[in-house]
Protein backbone atom coordinates (compact mmCIF):
# COMPACT_ATOMS: atom_id res chain seq x y z
CA MET A 1 -147.47 -85.84 -29.65
CA LYS A 2 -146.75 -89.22 -27.99
CA ALA A 3 -149.13 -88.25 -25.22
CA VAL A 4 -151.99 -87.73 -27.56
CA ALA A 5 -151.13 -91.10 -29.34
CA TYR A 6 -151.26 -92.83 -25.90
CA LEU A 7 -154.72 -91.09 -25.12
CA PHE A 8 -155.98 -92.34 -28.53
CA ALA A 9 -154.66 -95.83 -27.51
CA MET A 10 -156.34 -95.80 -24.32
CA LEU A 11 -159.73 -94.70 -25.95
CA LEU A 12 -159.38 -97.49 -28.36
CA LEU A 13 -158.91 -100.13 -25.51
CA GLY A 14 -161.68 -98.57 -23.59
CA LEU A 15 -164.18 -98.78 -26.46
CA GLY A 16 -162.96 -102.26 -27.16
CA VAL A 17 -163.82 -103.41 -23.59
CA VAL A 18 -167.14 -101.60 -23.71
CA PHE A 19 -167.98 -103.59 -26.98
CA LEU A 20 -166.90 -106.92 -25.49
CA ALA A 21 -168.81 -106.40 -22.26
CA ALA A 22 -172.07 -105.53 -24.36
CA ALA A 23 -171.42 -108.58 -26.50
CA ALA A 24 -171.13 -110.73 -23.46
CA SER A 25 -174.50 -109.39 -22.22
CA THR A 26 -176.35 -109.43 -25.66
CA GLY A 27 -174.47 -112.26 -27.53
CA LEU A 28 -174.27 -110.39 -30.69
CA TRP A 29 -171.23 -111.71 -32.89
CA ALA A 30 -170.90 -108.26 -34.61
CA ARG A 31 -169.96 -106.62 -31.25
CA TRP A 32 -167.65 -109.28 -30.50
CA VAL A 33 -165.67 -108.69 -33.79
CA PHE A 34 -165.74 -104.90 -33.46
CA GLY A 35 -164.55 -105.15 -29.80
CA GLY A 36 -161.71 -107.40 -30.84
CA ILE A 37 -160.82 -104.85 -33.54
CA LEU A 38 -160.70 -101.92 -31.22
CA LEU A 39 -158.66 -103.83 -28.68
CA GLY A 40 -156.17 -104.89 -31.50
CA ALA A 41 -155.82 -101.42 -32.65
CA GLY A 42 -155.31 -99.97 -29.33
CA LEU A 43 -152.68 -102.53 -28.52
CA SER A 44 -151.15 -101.95 -31.97
CA VAL A 45 -150.65 -98.12 -31.44
CA ILE A 46 -149.20 -98.81 -27.89
CA TYR A 47 -146.65 -101.26 -29.54
CA ILE A 48 -145.72 -98.83 -32.23
CA LEU A 49 -145.14 -96.11 -29.70
CA ARG A 50 -142.95 -98.33 -27.60
CA MET A 51 -140.77 -99.49 -30.66
CA LYS A 52 -137.35 -97.96 -30.37
CA THR A 53 -136.07 -96.23 -33.59
CA PRO A 54 -132.57 -97.11 -34.62
CA GLU A 55 -129.99 -94.50 -34.03
CA THR A 56 -128.48 -93.21 -37.32
CA ARG A 57 -124.90 -92.00 -37.33
CA VAL A 58 -123.40 -89.74 -39.92
CA THR A 59 -119.70 -89.48 -40.25
CA VAL A 60 -118.45 -86.59 -42.22
CA THR A 61 -114.85 -86.66 -43.74
CA HIS A 62 -113.13 -83.56 -45.23
CA ARG A 63 -110.30 -84.44 -47.42
CA VAL A 64 -108.25 -81.54 -48.79
CA ASP A 65 -106.78 -82.10 -52.24
CA LEU A 66 -103.61 -79.69 -52.46
CA SER A 67 -102.75 -78.35 -55.91
CA GLY A 68 -99.14 -77.71 -56.76
CA ASP A 69 -96.15 -77.62 -54.31
CA VAL A 70 -96.95 -77.02 -50.74
CA ARG A 71 -94.71 -75.50 -48.03
CA LEU A 72 -95.10 -75.79 -44.51
CA GLU A 73 -94.92 -72.19 -42.94
CA LYS A 74 -95.35 -70.86 -39.40
CA LEU A 75 -99.11 -69.56 -39.05
CA LEU A 76 -99.07 -66.07 -37.15
CA CYS A 77 -102.12 -64.15 -35.89
CA THR A 78 -102.69 -61.25 -38.09
CA ASN A 79 -103.92 -59.23 -34.94
CA CYS A 80 -101.45 -59.89 -32.24
CA GLY A 81 -98.55 -61.94 -34.01
CA ALA A 82 -98.88 -65.05 -31.76
CA THR A 83 -98.02 -68.51 -33.19
CA LEU A 84 -101.04 -70.57 -33.92
CA ASP A 85 -101.16 -74.27 -34.10
CA ALA A 86 -103.41 -76.79 -35.83
CA THR A 87 -105.88 -76.85 -33.17
CA SER A 88 -106.77 -73.25 -33.82
CA THR A 89 -108.20 -74.16 -37.29
CA CYS A 90 -111.46 -75.19 -38.17
CA VAL A 91 -113.46 -75.70 -41.58
CA ARG A 92 -116.70 -73.93 -42.10
CA ALA A 93 -118.75 -73.66 -45.38
CA GLY A 94 -115.75 -75.02 -47.23
CA ALA A 95 -113.28 -72.44 -45.99
CA VAL A 96 -110.65 -72.74 -43.37
CA PHE A 97 -110.80 -70.43 -40.52
CA VAL A 98 -108.36 -69.70 -37.84
CA ARG A 99 -108.90 -68.50 -34.24
CA CYS A 100 -106.18 -67.05 -31.99
CA PRO A 101 -106.39 -68.57 -28.54
CA TYR A 102 -104.78 -65.31 -27.07
CA CYS A 103 -106.74 -62.31 -28.43
CA GLU A 104 -109.81 -64.23 -29.87
CA SER A 105 -109.53 -62.61 -33.28
CA GLU A 106 -110.80 -64.91 -36.10
CA PHE A 107 -109.86 -64.74 -39.76
CA GLN A 108 -110.14 -66.86 -42.90
CA VAL A 109 -106.98 -68.45 -44.39
CA GLU A 110 -106.67 -67.43 -47.95
CA GLU A 111 -104.52 -69.13 -50.66
CA ALA A 112 -102.16 -66.99 -52.34
CA PRO A 113 -102.20 -67.06 -56.46
CA LYS A 114 -99.74 -69.29 -58.00
CA TRP A 115 -98.57 -66.74 -60.61
């Protein structure tokens, strides 16, 4: 897309030079004006293309609000029984998933009902 825009800018600059050369030989003021407008438009397109867009950063923070009493339990893999740590967990689509580093099985952590 930028290549097409640069080609368009070069076309505008070239036409501007042609109109200014014609104005120099004939002396018509309309060609001076139109040539200047074309040169200004070509330079403006190049300036816009060379401007750097500011980088935007988005920071997403997940906060978990736990309801009721919370007990810390050892998390075990349901497939091989290995002990899992906090680095094995990730949050996707609002649910907590755990991947076992030993057997590579993955399961979703489900909250037991309170009753």
